[in-house]
Amino acid sequence: DILLNVRESGKDQDDVGWFTYHTVQGKFKSLKEKTMKMGDKPVTELEIAVRVYNRIEDGVMVADIDTRTQKFWLNGEDILADARRLVLLP
């Protein structure tokens, strides 16, 4: 199992700061490092069988997905709420 937290921040073209937090939990499958040429940024590719993912942008939850509980919350809307209710999941 792996838990990966990625935090990024920056400034937009109007010089306003922003931040995004990504959290991924799941089974680690593979890791690949790309060969680099002089002046290139290093690239690492992780393959993860995702169980849980969530993303927060500027303090607002944008995505919250859990594959076991069938929760799929995106941009303030619980996409699978009706489907879960039909199969008696909370």
C-alpha atoms as a PDB file:
ATOM      1  CA  ASP A   1       0.000   0.000   0.000  1.00  0.00           C
ATOM      2  CA  ILE A   2       1.094   3.564  -0.668  1.00  0.00           C
ATOM      3  CA  LEU A   3      -0.089   6.997   0.467  1.00  0.00           C
ATOM      4  CA  LEU A   4       1.108   9.841  -1.752  1.00  0.00           C
ATOM      5  CA  ASN A   5       0.616  13.512  -0.907  1.00  0.00           C
ATOM      6  CA  VAL A   6       1.514  16.127  -3.518  1.00  0.00           C
ATOM      7  CA  ARG A   7       1.384  19.832  -2.756  1.00  0.00           C
ATOM      8  CA  GLU A   8       1.808  22.453  -5.429  1.00  0.00           C
ATOM      9  CA  SER A   9       1.535  26.225  -5.412  1.00  0.00           C
ATOM     10  CA  GLY A  10       2.250  29.174  -7.617  1.00  0.00           C
ATOM     11  CA  LYS A  11       1.020  32.487  -8.905  1.00  0.00           C
ATOM     12  CA  ASP A  12      -1.336  33.055 -11.808  1.00  0.00           C
ATOM     13  CA  GLN A  13      -0.871  35.689 -14.521  1.00  0.00           C
ATOM     14  CA  ASP A  14      -2.545  38.287 -12.249  1.00  0.00           C
ATOM     15  CA  ASP A  15       0.097  37.570  -9.571  1.00  0.00           C
ATOM     16  CA  VAL A  16      -2.486  35.902  -7.293  1.00  0.00           C
ATOM     17  CA  GLY A  17      -1.208  32.941  -5.306  1.00  0.00           C
ATOM     18  CA  TRP A  18      -2.874  29.509  -5.515  1.00  0.00           C
ATOM     19  CA  PHE A  19      -2.323  26.046  -4.050  1.00  0.00           C
ATOM     20  CA  THR A  20      -3.512  22.503  -4.716  1.00  0.00           C
ATOM     21  CA  TYR A  21      -3.203  19.395  -2.522  1.00  0.00           C
ATOM     22  CA  HIS A  22      -3.548  15.926  -4.051  1.00  0.00           C
ATOM     23  CA  THR A  23      -3.807  12.777  -1.920  1.00  0.00           C
ATOM     24  CA  VAL A  24      -3.730   9.299  -3.469  1.00  0.00           C
ATOM     25  CA  GLN A  25      -3.954   6.004  -1.603  1.00  0.00           C
ATOM     26  CA  GLY A  26      -3.735   2.593  -3.232  1.00  0.00           C
ATOM     27  CA  LYS A  27      -1.557  -0.322  -4.266  1.00  0.00           C
ATOM     28  CA  PHE A  28       1.884   0.492  -5.660  1.00  0.00           C
ATOM     29  CA  LYS A  29       2.366  -1.154  -9.068  1.00  0.00           C
ATOM     30  CA  SER A  30       5.517   0.236 -10.720  1.00  0.00           C
ATOM     31  CA  LEU A  31       8.086   3.013 -10.800  1.00  0.00           C
ATOM     32  CA  LYS A  32       9.859   4.298 -13.919  1.00  0.00           C
ATOM     33  CA  GLU A  33      12.597   6.892 -14.100  1.00  0.00           C
ATOM     34  CA  LYS A  34      12.990   8.532 -17.499  1.00  0.00           C
ATOM     35  CA  THR A  35      16.468   9.055 -18.883  1.00  0.00           C
ATOM     36  CA  MET A  36      17.495  12.678 -18.896  1.00  0.00           C
ATOM     37  CA  LYS A  37      19.419  14.852 -21.266  1.00  0.00           C
ATOM     38  CA  MET A  38      21.433  17.825 -20.147  1.00  0.00           C
ATOM     39  CA  GLY A  39      19.058  20.619 -19.060  1.00  0.00           C
ATOM     40  CA  ASP A  40      15.947  18.383 -18.733  1.00  0.00           C
ATOM     41  CA  LYS A  41      14.001  18.119 -15.519  1.00  0.00           C
ATOM     42  CA  PRO A  42      13.940  14.673 -13.910  1.00  0.00           C
ATOM     43  CA  VAL A  43      10.755  12.661 -14.524  1.00  0.00           C
ATOM     44  CA  THR A  44       9.497   9.807 -12.372  1.00  0.00           C
ATOM     45  CA  GLU A  45       6.342   7.865 -13.271  1.00  0.00           C
ATOM     46  CA  LEU A  46       4.440   6.016 -10.560  1.00  0.00           C
ATOM     47  CA  GLU A  47       1.703   3.537 -11.366  1.00  0.00           C
ATOM     48  CA  ILE A  48      -0.807   3.147  -8.539  1.00  0.00           C
ATOM     49  CA  ALA A  49      -4.044   1.130  -8.417  1.00  0.00           C
ATOM     50  CA  VAL A  50      -6.046   3.913  -6.775  1.00  0.00           C
ATOM     51  CA  ARG A  51      -8.351   3.229  -3.842  1.00  0.00           C
ATOM     52  CA  VAL A  52      -8.813   6.805  -2.561  1.00  0.00           C
ATOM     53  CA  TYR A  53      -8.153  10.153  -4.257  1.00  0.00           C
ATOM     54  CA  ASN A  54      -8.931  13.687  -3.166  1.00  0.00           C
ATOM     55  CA  ARG A  55      -7.957  17.132  -4.385  1.00  0.00           C
ATOM     56  CA  ILE A  56      -8.223  20.456  -2.579  1.00  0.00           C
ATOM     57  CA  GLU A  57      -7.760  23.692  -4.519  1.00  0.00           C
ATOM     58  CA  ASP A  58      -7.341  26.937  -2.557  1.00  0.00           C
ATOM     59  CA  GLY A  59      -9.003  25.332   0.467  1.00  0.00           C
ATOM     60  CA  VAL A  60     -12.023  23.985  -1.456  1.00  0.00           C
ATOM     61  CA  MET A  61     -12.571  20.232  -1.890  1.00  0.00           C
ATOM     62  CA  VAL A  62     -12.822  19.586  -5.645  1.00  0.00           C
ATOM     63  CA  ALA A  63     -12.696  15.786  -5.807  1.00  0.00           C
ATOM     64  CA  ASP A  64     -13.189  13.057  -3.207  1.00  0.00           C
ATOM     65  CA  ILE A  65     -13.266   9.508  -4.585  1.00  0.00           C
ATOM     66  CA  ASP A  66     -13.302   6.211  -2.664  1.00  0.00           C
ATOM     67  CA  THR A  67     -13.575   3.063  -4.773  1.00  0.00           C
ATOM     68  CA  ARG A  68     -14.592   0.765  -1.882  1.00  0.00           C
ATOM     69  CA  THR A  69     -17.495   2.881  -0.655  1.00  0.00           C
ATOM     70  CA  GLN A  70     -18.370   4.003  -4.208  1.00  0.00           C
ATOM     71  CA  LYS A  71     -18.128   7.661  -3.174  1.00  0.00           C
ATOM     72  CA  PHE A  72     -17.540   9.905  -6.193  1.00  0.00           C
ATOM     73  CA  TRP A  73     -17.814  13.516  -5.105  1.00  0.00           C
ATOM     74  CA  LEU A  74     -16.844  16.050  -7.789  1.00  0.00           C
ATOM     75  CA  ASN A  75     -17.173  19.851  -7.716  1.00  0.00           C
ATOM     76  CA  GLY A  76     -19.693  19.818  -4.866  1.00  0.00           C
ATOM     77  CA  GLU A  77     -21.871  17.047  -6.269  1.00  0.00           C
ATOM     78  CA  ASP A  78     -22.091  13.440  -5.068  1.00  0.00           C
ATOM     79  CA  ILE A  79     -22.284  11.777  -8.494  1.00  0.00           C
ATOM     80  CA  LEU A  80     -23.061   8.243  -7.261  1.00  0.00           C
ATOM     81  CA  ALA A  81     -25.423   9.081  -4.362  1.00  0.00           C
ATOM     82  CA  ASP A  82     -28.506   7.664  -6.132  1.00  0.00           C
ATOM     83  CA  ALA A  83     -26.689   4.495  -7.219  1.00  0.00           C
ATOM     84  CA  ARG A  84     -25.453   3.868  -3.657  1.00  0.00           C
ATOM     85  CA  ARG A  85     -28.938   4.387  -2.270  1.00  0.00           C
ATOM     86  CA  LEU A  86     -30.355   1.799  -4.729  1.00  0.00           C
ATOM     87  CA  VAL A  87     -27.952  -0.882  -3.462  1.00  0.00           C
ATOM     88  CA  LEU A  88     -28.407   0.188   0.201  1.00  0.00           C
ATOM     89  CA  LEU A  89     -24.934   1.642   0.683  1.00  0.00           C
ATOM     90  CA  PRO A  90     -24.580   4.717   2.966  1.00  0.00           C
END
